[in-house]
PDB file of N, CA and C in Angstrom:
ATOM      1  N   MET A   1       8.599 -28.134 -36.889  1.00  0.00           N
ATOM      2  CA  MET A   1       8.659 -28.758 -35.578  1.00  0.00           C
ATOM      3  C   MET A   1       9.543 -27.920 -34.648  1.00  0.00           C
ATOM      4  N   MET A   2       9.181 -27.904 -33.387  1.00  0.00           N
ATOM      5  CA  MET A   2       9.946 -27.148 -32.388  1.00  0.00           C
ATOM      6  C   MET A   2      11.303 -27.797 -32.149  1.00  0.00           C
ATOM      7  N   LYS A   3      12.265 -26.958 -31.786  1.00  0.00           N
ATOM      8  CA  LYS A   3      13.588 -27.455 -31.418  1.00  0.00           C
ATOM      9  C   LYS A   3      13.599 -27.799 -29.934  1.00  0.00           C
ATOM     10  N   CYS A   4      14.535 -28.647 -29.552  1.00  0.00           N
ATOM     11  CA  CYS A   4      14.635 -29.119 -28.165  1.00  0.00           C
ATOM     12  C   CYS A   4      14.741 -27.957 -27.171  1.00  0.00           C
ATOM     13  N   GLU A   5      15.530 -26.954 -27.498  1.00  0.00           N
ATOM     14  CA  GLU A   5      15.715 -25.818 -26.589  1.00  0.00           C
ATOM     15  C   GLU A   5      14.388 -25.106 -26.318  1.00  0.00           C
ATOM     16  N   GLU A   6      13.598 -24.902 -27.365  1.00  0.00           N
ATOM     17  CA  GLU A   6      12.297 -24.241 -27.213  1.00  0.00           C
ATOM     18  C   GLU A   6      11.343 -25.113 -26.405  1.00  0.00           C
ATOM     19  N   VAL A   7      11.342 -26.396 -26.680  1.00  0.00           N
ATOM     20  CA  VAL A   7      10.472 -27.317 -25.957  1.00  0.00           C
ATOM     21  C   VAL A   7      10.839 -27.333 -24.475  1.00  0.00           C
ATOM     22  N   SER A   8      12.118 -27.347 -24.186  1.00  0.00           N
ATOM     23  CA  SER A   8      12.577 -27.351 -22.796  1.00  0.00           C
ATOM     24  C   SER A   8      12.058 -26.129 -22.045  1.00  0.00           C
ATOM     25  N   LYS A   9      12.159 -24.960 -22.656  1.00  0.00           N
ATOM     26  CA  LYS A   9      11.664 -23.728 -22.030  1.00  0.00           C
ATOM     27  C   LYS A   9      10.148 -23.782 -21.833  1.00  0.00           C
ATOM     28  N   LEU A  10       9.441 -24.228 -22.860  1.00  0.00           N
ATOM     29  CA  LEU A  10       7.986 -24.268 -22.780  1.00  0.00           C
ATOM     30  C   LEU A  10       7.498 -25.296 -21.759  1.00  0.00           C
ATOM     31  N   VAL A  11       8.162 -26.433 -21.693  1.00  0.00           N
ATOM     32  CA  VAL A  11       7.786 -27.451 -20.706  1.00  0.00           C
ATOM     33  C   VAL A  11       7.943 -26.875 -19.304  1.00  0.00           C
ATOM     34  N   SER A  12       9.022 -26.171 -19.076  1.00  0.00           N
ATOM     35  CA  SER A  12       9.243 -25.551 -17.775  1.00  0.00           C
ATOM     36  C   SER A  12       8.155 -24.514 -17.481  1.00  0.00           C
ATOM     37  N   GLN A  13       7.834 -23.699 -18.464  1.00  0.00           N
ATOM     38  CA  GLN A  13       6.777 -22.699 -18.290  1.00  0.00           C
ATOM     39  C   GLN A  13       5.419 -23.349 -18.042  1.00  0.00           C
ATOM     40  N   SER A  14       5.200 -24.495 -18.659  1.00  0.00           N
ATOM     41  CA  SER A  14       3.899 -25.167 -18.529  1.00  0.00           C
ATOM     42  C   SER A  14       3.639 -25.651 -17.102  1.00  0.00           C
ATOM     43  N   LEU A  15       4.695 -25.764 -16.310  1.00  0.00           N
ATOM     44  CA  LEU A  15       4.508 -26.157 -14.911  1.00  0.00           C
ATOM     45  C   LEU A  15       3.963 -24.999 -14.090  1.00  0.00           C
ATOM     46  N   ASP A  16       4.146 -23.770 -14.579  1.00  0.00           N
ATOM     47  CA  ASP A  16       3.703 -22.581 -13.857  1.00  0.00           C
ATOM     48  C   ASP A  16       2.417 -21.978 -14.398  1.00  0.00           C
ATOM     49  N   ARG A  17       2.155 -22.214 -15.658  1.00  0.00           N
ATOM     50  CA  ARG A  17       0.964 -21.606 -16.272  1.00  0.00           C
ATOM     51  C   ARG A  17       0.475 -22.474 -17.435  1.00  0.00           C
ATOM     52  N   ARG A  18      -0.765 -22.267 -17.805  1.00  0.00           N
ATOM     53  CA  ARG A  18      -1.326 -23.002 -18.943  1.00  0.00           C
ATOM     54  C   ARG A  18      -0.863 -22.331 -20.234  1.00  0.00           C
ATOM     55  N   LEU A  19      -0.279 -23.125 -21.106  1.00  0.00           N
ATOM     56  CA  LEU A  19       0.215 -22.608 -22.380  1.00  0.00           C
ATOM     57  C   LEU A  19      -0.910 -22.571 -23.407  1.00  0.00           C
ATOM     58  N   PRO A  20      -0.768 -21.707 -24.432  1.00  0.00           N
ATOM     59  CA  PRO A  20      -1.749 -21.697 -25.524  1.00  0.00           C
ATOM     60  C   PRO A  20      -1.790 -23.060 -26.229  1.00  0.00           C
ATOM     61  N   LEU A  21      -2.911 -23.358 -26.823  1.00  0.00           N
ATOM     62  CA  LEU A  21      -3.133 -24.654 -27.467  1.00  0.00           C
ATOM     63  C   LEU A  21      -2.045 -24.990 -28.488  1.00  0.00           C
ATOM     64  N   HIS A  22      -1.664 -24.043 -29.328  1.00  0.00           N
ATOM     65  CA  HIS A  22      -0.672 -24.342 -30.376  1.00  0.00           C
ATOM     66  C   HIS A  22       0.672 -24.743 -29.756  1.00  0.00           C
ATOM     67  N   GLN A  23       1.029 -24.159 -28.621  1.00  0.00           N
ATOM     68  CA  GLN A  23       2.280 -24.540 -27.966  1.00  0.00           C
ATOM     69  C   GLN A  23       2.161 -25.919 -27.326  1.00  0.00           C
ATOM     70  N   ARG A  24       1.023 -26.210 -26.718  1.00  0.00           N
ATOM     71  CA  ARG A  24       0.821 -27.538 -26.120  1.00  0.00           C
ATOM     72  C   ARG A  24       0.868 -28.626 -27.185  1.00  0.00           C
ATOM     73  N   ILE A  25       0.272 -28.358 -28.328  1.00  0.00           N
ATOM     74  CA  ILE A  25       0.297 -29.332 -29.427  1.00  0.00           C
ATOM     75  C   ILE A  25       1.731 -29.509 -29.935  1.00  0.00           C
ATOM     76  N   GLY A  26       2.451 -28.396 -30.100  1.00  0.00           N
ATOM     77  CA  GLY A  26       3.838 -28.467 -30.555  1.00  0.00           C
ATOM     78  C   GLY A  26       4.713 -29.276 -29.608  1.00  0.00           C
ATOM     79  N   ILE A  27       4.510 -29.074 -28.312  1.00  0.00           N
ATOM     80  CA  ILE A  27       5.263 -29.842 -27.313  1.00  0.00           C
ATOM     81  C   ILE A  27       4.941 -31.322 -27.437  1.00  0.00           C
ATOM     82  N   ARG A  28       3.661 -31.659 -27.517  1.00  0.00           N
ATOM     83  CA  ARG A  28       3.258 -33.077 -27.614  1.00  0.00           C
ATOM     84  C   ARG A  28       3.850 -33.745 -28.853  1.00  0.00           C
ATOM     85  N   LEU A  29       3.794 -33.056 -29.979  1.00  0.00           N
ATOM     86  CA  LEU A  29       4.367 -33.622 -31.203  1.00  0.00           C
ATOM     87  C   LEU A  29       5.864 -33.850 -31.046  1.00  0.00           C
ATOM     88  N   HIS A  30       6.547 -32.879 -30.459  1.00  0.00           N
ATOM     89  CA  HIS A  30       7.991 -33.007 -30.262  1.00  0.00           C
ATOM     90  C   HIS A  30       8.299 -34.158 -29.302  1.00  0.00           C
ATOM     91  N   LEU A  31       7.550 -34.252 -28.221  1.00  0.00           N
ATOM     92  CA  LEU A  31       7.798 -35.312 -27.237  1.00  0.00           C
ATOM     93  C   LEU A  31       7.563 -36.707 -27.824  1.00  0.00           C
ATOM     94  N   MET A  32       6.654 -36.804 -28.794  1.00  0.00           N
ATOM     95  CA  MET A  32       6.409 -38.103 -29.430  1.00  0.00           C
ATOM     96  C   MET A  32       7.624 -38.553 -30.240  1.00  0.00           C
ATOM     97  N   MET A  33       8.455 -37.601 -30.668  1.00  0.00           N
ATOM     98  CA  MET A  33       9.589 -37.936 -31.527  1.00  0.00           C
ATOM     99  C   MET A  33      10.949 -37.823 -30.846  1.00  0.00           C
ATOM    100  N   CYS A  34      11.015 -37.190 -29.679  1.00  0.00           N
ATOM    101  CA  CYS A  34      12.312 -36.919 -29.055  1.00  0.00           C
ATOM    102  C   CYS A  34      12.382 -37.564 -27.669  1.00  0.00           C
ATOM    103  N   LYS A  35      13.188 -38.600 -27.576  1.00  0.00           N
ATOM    104  CA  LYS A  35      13.334 -39.338 -26.328  1.00  0.00           C
ATOM    105  C   LYS A  35      13.954 -38.495 -25.211  1.00  0.00           C
ATOM    106  N   LEU A  36      14.952 -37.693 -25.549  1.00  0.00           N
ATOM    107  CA  LEU A  36      15.636 -36.881 -24.539  1.00  0.00           C
ATOM    108  C   LEU A  36      14.700 -35.837 -23.926  1.00  0.00           C
ATOM    109  N   CYS A  37      13.923 -35.181 -24.749  1.00  0.00           N
ATOM    110  CA  CYS A  37      12.984 -34.187 -24.230  1.00  0.00           C
ATOM    111  C   CYS A  37      11.874 -34.859 -23.410  1.00  0.00           C
ATOM    112  N   THR A  38      11.471 -36.041 -23.820  1.00  0.00           N
ATOM    113  CA  THR A  38      10.476 -36.788 -23.052  1.00  0.00           C
ATOM    114  C   THR A  38      11.027 -37.132 -21.673  1.00  0.00           C
ATOM    115  N   GLN A  39      12.278 -37.573 -21.622  1.00  0.00           N
ATOM    116  CA  GLN A  39      12.905 -37.877 -20.336  1.00  0.00           C
ATOM    117  C   GLN A  39      13.002 -36.625 -19.470  1.00  0.00           C
ATOM    118  N   ASN A  40      13.379 -35.507 -20.083  1.00  0.00           N
ATOM    119  CA  ASN A  40      13.462 -34.239 -19.364  1.00  0.00           C
ATOM    120  C   ASN A  40      12.093 -33.853 -18.796  1.00  0.00           C
ATOM    121  N   PHE A  41      11.059 -33.997 -19.613  1.00  0.00           N
ATOM    122  CA  PHE A  41       9.694 -33.680 -19.192  1.00  0.00           C
ATOM    123  C   PHE A  41       9.273 -34.550 -18.006  1.00  0.00           C
ATOM    124  N   LEU A  42       9.535 -35.837 -18.092  1.00  0.00           N
ATOM    125  CA  LEU A  42       9.167 -36.749 -17.002  1.00  0.00           C
ATOM    126  C   LEU A  42       9.947 -36.441 -15.728  1.00  0.00           C
ATOM    127  N   GLN A  43      11.211 -36.055 -15.879  1.00  0.00           N
ATOM    128  CA  GLN A  43      12.009 -35.686 -14.707  1.00  0.00           C
ATOM    129  C   GLN A  43      11.470 -34.427 -14.045  1.00  0.00           C
ATOM    130  N   LEU A  44      11.040 -33.464 -14.846  1.00  0.00           N
ATOM    131  CA  LEU A  44      10.450 -32.254 -14.281  1.00  0.00           C
ATOM    132  C   LEU A  44       9.155 -32.568 -13.534  1.00  0.00           C
ATOM    133  N   LEU A  45       8.352 -33.461 -14.091  1.00  0.00           N
ATOM    134  CA  LEU A  45       7.114 -33.860 -13.401  1.00  0.00           C
ATOM    135  C   LEU A  45       7.428 -34.541 -12.076  1.00  0.00           C
ATOM    136  N   ASP A  46       8.429 -35.412 -12.079  1.00  0.00           N
ATOM    137  CA  ASP A  46       8.840 -36.081 -10.839  1.00  0.00           C
ATOM    138  C   ASP A  46       9.350 -35.078  -9.814  1.00  0.00           C
ATOM    139  N   LEU A  47      10.112 -34.116 -10.279  1.00  0.00           N
ATOM    140  CA  LEU A  47      10.643 -33.087  -9.385  1.00  0.00           C
ATOM    141  C   LEU A  47       9.505 -32.271  -8.770  1.00  0.00           C
ATOM    142  N   ARG A  48       8.525 -31.929  -9.588  1.00  0.00           N
ATOM    143  CA  ARG A  48       7.374 -31.173  -9.079  1.00  0.00           C
ATOM    144  C   ARG A  48       6.604 -31.986  -8.049  1.00  0.00           C
ATOM    145  N   LYS A  49       6.388 -33.259  -8.331  1.00  0.00           N
ATOM    146  CA  LYS A  49       5.681 -34.125  -7.374  1.00  0.00           C
ATOM    147  C   LYS A  49       6.458 -34.251  -6.070  1.00  0.00           C
ATOM    148  N   THR A  50       7.772 -34.376  -6.188  1.00  0.00           N
ATOM    149  CA  THR A  50       8.617 -34.474  -4.994  1.00  0.00           C
ATOM    150  C   THR A  50       8.530 -33.193  -4.172  1.00  0.00           C
ATOM    151  N   PHE A  51       8.584 -32.054  -4.834  1.00  0.00           N
ATOM    152  CA  PHE A  51       8.478 -30.773  -4.139  1.00  0.00           C
ATOM    153  C   PHE A  51       7.123 -30.647  -3.446  1.00  0.00           C
ATOM    154  N   GLN A  52       6.052 -31.034  -4.133  1.00  0.00           N
ATOM    155  CA  GLN A  52       4.715 -30.955  -3.539  1.00  0.00           C
ATOM    156  C   GLN A  52       4.620 -31.843  -2.303  1.00  0.00           C
ATOM    157  N   LEU A  53       5.154 -33.040  -2.389  1.00  0.00           N
ATOM    158  CA  LEU A  53       5.144 -33.950  -1.251  1.00  0.00           C
ATOM    159  C   LEU A  53       5.953 -33.369  -0.095  1.00  0.00           C
ATOM    160  N   PHE A  54       7.117 -32.814  -0.409  1.00  0.00           N
ATOM    161  CA  PHE A  54       7.949 -32.192   0.607  1.00  0.00           C
ATOM    162  C   PHE A  54       7.196 -31.058   1.304  1.00  0.00           C
ATOM    163  N   MET A  55       6.504 -30.235   0.523  1.00  0.00           N
ATOM    164  CA  MET A  55       5.774 -29.107   1.106  1.00  0.00           C
ATOM    165  C   MET A  55       4.620 -29.587   1.985  1.00  0.00           C
ATOM    166  N   LYS A  56       3.958 -30.658   1.598  1.00  0.00           N
ATOM    167  CA  LYS A  56       2.866 -31.196   2.424  1.00  0.00           C
ATOM    168  C   LYS A  56       3.401 -31.723   3.746  1.00  0.00           C
ATOM    169  N   GLU A  57       4.554 -32.358   3.691  1.00  0.00           N
ATOM    170  CA  GLU A  57       5.131 -32.946   4.901  1.00  0.00           C
ATOM    171  C   GLU A  57       5.851 -31.917   5.760  1.00  0.00           C
ATOM    172  N   ASN A  58       6.219 -30.786   5.184  1.00  0.00           N
ATOM    173  CA  ASN A  58       6.991 -29.764   5.899  1.00  0.00           C
ATOM    174  C   ASN A  58       6.292 -28.412   5.818  1.00  0.00           C
ATOM    175  N   ASP A  59       5.020 -28.409   6.127  1.00  0.00           N
ATOM    176  CA  ASP A  59       4.209 -27.200   6.007  1.00  0.00           C
ATOM    177  C   ASP A  59       4.709 -26.078   6.910  1.00  0.00           C
ATOM    178  N   ASN A  60       5.380 -26.422   7.970  1.00  0.00           N
ATOM    179  CA  ASN A  60       5.823 -25.412   8.928  1.00  0.00           C
ATOM    180  C   ASN A  60       7.275 -24.977   8.707  1.00  0.00           C
ATOM    181  N   ILE A  61       7.815 -25.243   7.516  1.00  0.00           N
ATOM    182  CA  ILE A  61       9.204 -24.883   7.220  1.00  0.00           C
ATOM    183  C   ILE A  61       9.367 -23.362   7.269  1.00  0.00           C
ATOM    184  N   GLU A  62      10.467 -22.916   7.805  1.00  0.00           N
ATOM    185  CA  GLU A  62      10.743 -21.487   7.959  1.00  0.00           C
ATOM    186  C   GLU A  62      11.937 -21.076   7.100  1.00  0.00           C
ATOM    187  N   PRO A  63      11.876 -19.885   6.483  1.00  0.00           N
ATOM    188  CA  PRO A  63      13.036 -19.373   5.752  1.00  0.00           C
ATOM    189  C   PRO A  63      14.199 -19.105   6.713  1.00  0.00           C
ATOM    190  N   PRO A  64      15.410 -18.975   6.205  1.00  0.00           N
ATOM    191  CA  PRO A  64      16.575 -18.740   7.071  1.00  0.00           C
ATOM    192  C   PRO A  64      16.417 -17.490   7.941  1.00  0.00           C
ATOM    193  N   GLU A  65      17.043 -17.514   9.097  1.00  0.00           N
ATOM    194  CA  GLU A  65      16.949 -16.420  10.070  1.00  0.00           C
ATOM    195  C   GLU A  65      17.564 -15.111   9.584  1.00  0.00           C
ATOM    196  N   ILE A  66      18.482 -15.164   8.630  1.00  0.00           N
ATOM    197  CA  ILE A  66      19.177 -13.945   8.210  1.00  0.00           C
ATOM    198  C   ILE A  66      18.290 -13.011   7.387  1.00  0.00           C
ATOM    199  N   LEU A  67      17.136 -13.484   6.948  1.00  0.00           N
ATOM    200  CA  LEU A  67      16.240 -12.645   6.156  1.00  0.00           C
ATOM    201  C   LEU A  67      15.369 -11.777   7.060  1.00  0.00           C
ATOM    202  N   PRO A  68      15.037 -10.569   6.596  1.00  0.00           N
ATOM    203  CA  PRO A  68      14.096  -9.744   7.360  1.00  0.00           C
ATOM    204  C   PRO A  68      12.738 -10.435   7.442  1.00  0.00           C
ATOM    205  N   HIS A  69      11.988 -10.136   8.482  1.00  0.00           N
ATOM    206  CA  HIS A  69      10.685 -10.766   8.717  1.00  0.00           C
ATOM    207  C   HIS A  69       9.754 -10.618   7.501  1.00  0.00           C
ATOM    208  N   GLU A  70       9.767  -9.437   6.872  1.00  0.00           N
ATOM    209  CA  GLU A  70       8.883  -9.189   5.726  1.00  0.00           C
ATOM    210  C   GLU A  70       9.212 -10.120   4.565  1.00  0.00           C
ATOM    211  N   LYS A  71      10.511 -10.325   4.319  1.00  0.00           N
ATOM    212  CA  LYS A  71      10.927 -11.213   3.224  1.00  0.00           C
ATOM    213  C   LYS A  71      10.553 -12.658   3.531  1.00  0.00           C
ATOM    214  N   LYS A  72      10.714 -13.067   4.782  1.00  0.00           N
ATOM    215  CA  LYS A  72      10.324 -14.418   5.173  1.00  0.00           C
ATOM    216  C   LYS A  72       8.843 -14.638   4.879  1.00  0.00           C
ATOM    217  N   ALA A  73       8.021 -13.657   5.244  1.00  0.00           N
ATOM    218  CA  ALA A  73       6.577 -13.774   5.012  1.00  0.00           C
ATOM    219  C   ALA A  73       6.272 -13.853   3.521  1.00  0.00           C
ATOM    220  N   GLU A  74       6.974 -13.052   2.708  1.00  0.00           N
ATOM    221  CA  GLU A  74       6.768 -13.088   1.256  1.00  0.00           C
ATOM    222  C   GLU A  74       7.136 -14.451   0.683  1.00  0.00           C
ATOM    223  N   ILE A  75       8.269 -14.995   1.106  1.00  0.00           N
ATOM    224  CA  ILE A  75       8.731 -16.298   0.613  1.00  0.00           C
ATOM    225  C   ILE A  75       7.739 -17.390   1.000  1.00  0.00           C
ATOM    226  N   LYS A  76       7.316 -17.383   2.239  1.00  0.00           N
ATOM    227  CA  LYS A  76       6.373 -18.392   2.716  1.00  0.00           C
ATOM    228  C   LYS A  76       5.050 -18.314   1.941  1.00  0.00           C
ATOM    229  N   LYS A  77       4.582 -17.090   1.721  1.00  0.00           N
ATOM    230  CA  LYS A  77       3.339 -16.885   0.973  1.00  0.00           C
ATOM    231  C   LYS A  77       3.474 -17.416  -0.453  1.00  0.00           C
ATOM    232  N   GLU A  78       4.613 -17.137  -1.087  1.00  0.00           N
ATOM    233  CA  GLU A  78       4.838 -17.589  -2.468  1.00  0.00           C
ATOM    234  C   GLU A  78       4.951 -19.112  -2.541  1.00  0.00           C
ATOM    235  N   ILE A  79       5.615 -19.717  -1.598  1.00  0.00           N
ATOM    236  CA  ILE A  79       5.727 -21.177  -1.563  1.00  0.00           C
ATOM    237  C   ILE A  79       4.348 -21.810  -1.444  1.00  0.00           C
ATOM    238  N   HIS A  80       3.518 -21.277  -0.572  1.00  0.00           N
ATOM    239  CA  HIS A  80       2.174 -21.827  -0.404  1.00  0.00           C
ATOM    240  C   HIS A  80       1.321 -21.587  -1.654  1.00  0.00           C
ATOM    241  N   ARG A  81       1.501 -20.416  -2.288  1.00  0.00           N
ATOM    242  CA  ARG A  81       0.744 -20.126  -3.514  1.00  0.00           C
ATOM    243  C   ARG A  81       1.092 -21.130  -4.602  1.00  0.00           C
ATOM    244  N   ILE A  82       2.382 -21.393  -4.762  1.00  0.00           N
ATOM    245  CA  ILE A  82       2.828 -22.319  -5.803  1.00  0.00           C
ATOM    246  C   ILE A  82       2.379 -23.744  -5.491  1.00  0.00           C
ATOM    247  N   SER A  83       2.532 -24.163  -4.245  1.00  0.00           N
ATOM    248  CA  SER A  83       2.163 -25.544  -3.910  1.00  0.00           C
ATOM    249  C   SER A  83       0.653 -25.742  -3.969  1.00  0.00           C
ATOM    250  N   ASP A  84      -0.136 -24.718  -3.649  1.00  0.00           N
ATOM    251  CA  ASP A  84      -1.594 -24.826  -3.749  1.00  0.00           C
ATOM    252  C   ASP A  84      -2.041 -24.879  -5.194  1.00  0.00           C
ATOM    253  N   LYS A  85      -1.298 -24.189  -6.072  1.00  0.00           N
ATOM    254  CA  LYS A  85      -1.601 -24.135  -7.499  1.00  0.00           C
ATOM    255  C   LYS A  85      -1.439 -25.493  -8.153  1.00  0.00           C
ATOM    256  N   GLN A  86      -0.479 -26.270  -7.650  1.00  0.00           N
ATOM    257  CA  GLN A  86      -0.165 -27.562  -8.247  1.00  0.00           C
ATOM    258  C   GLN A  86      -1.215 -28.534  -7.812  1.00  0.00           C
TER     259      GLN A  86
END
């Protein structure tokens, strides 16, 4: 069985990419037995939903003025890529 530390890392990674089947199964088995990791997983899901809602409501958000224009554009592009992916 996976340890909590490994599950925590994999759960976080699973928000960004699809994990291989064996890792998804390992996470599910661990979550069925570990209350703390289940709570952590649910909190991460809530955080992601909150971020998505924030991005929908604040689509015109701008990065800080101290950044060069090119970096602002990169950050904005990445934020939209991540929020569209979810």
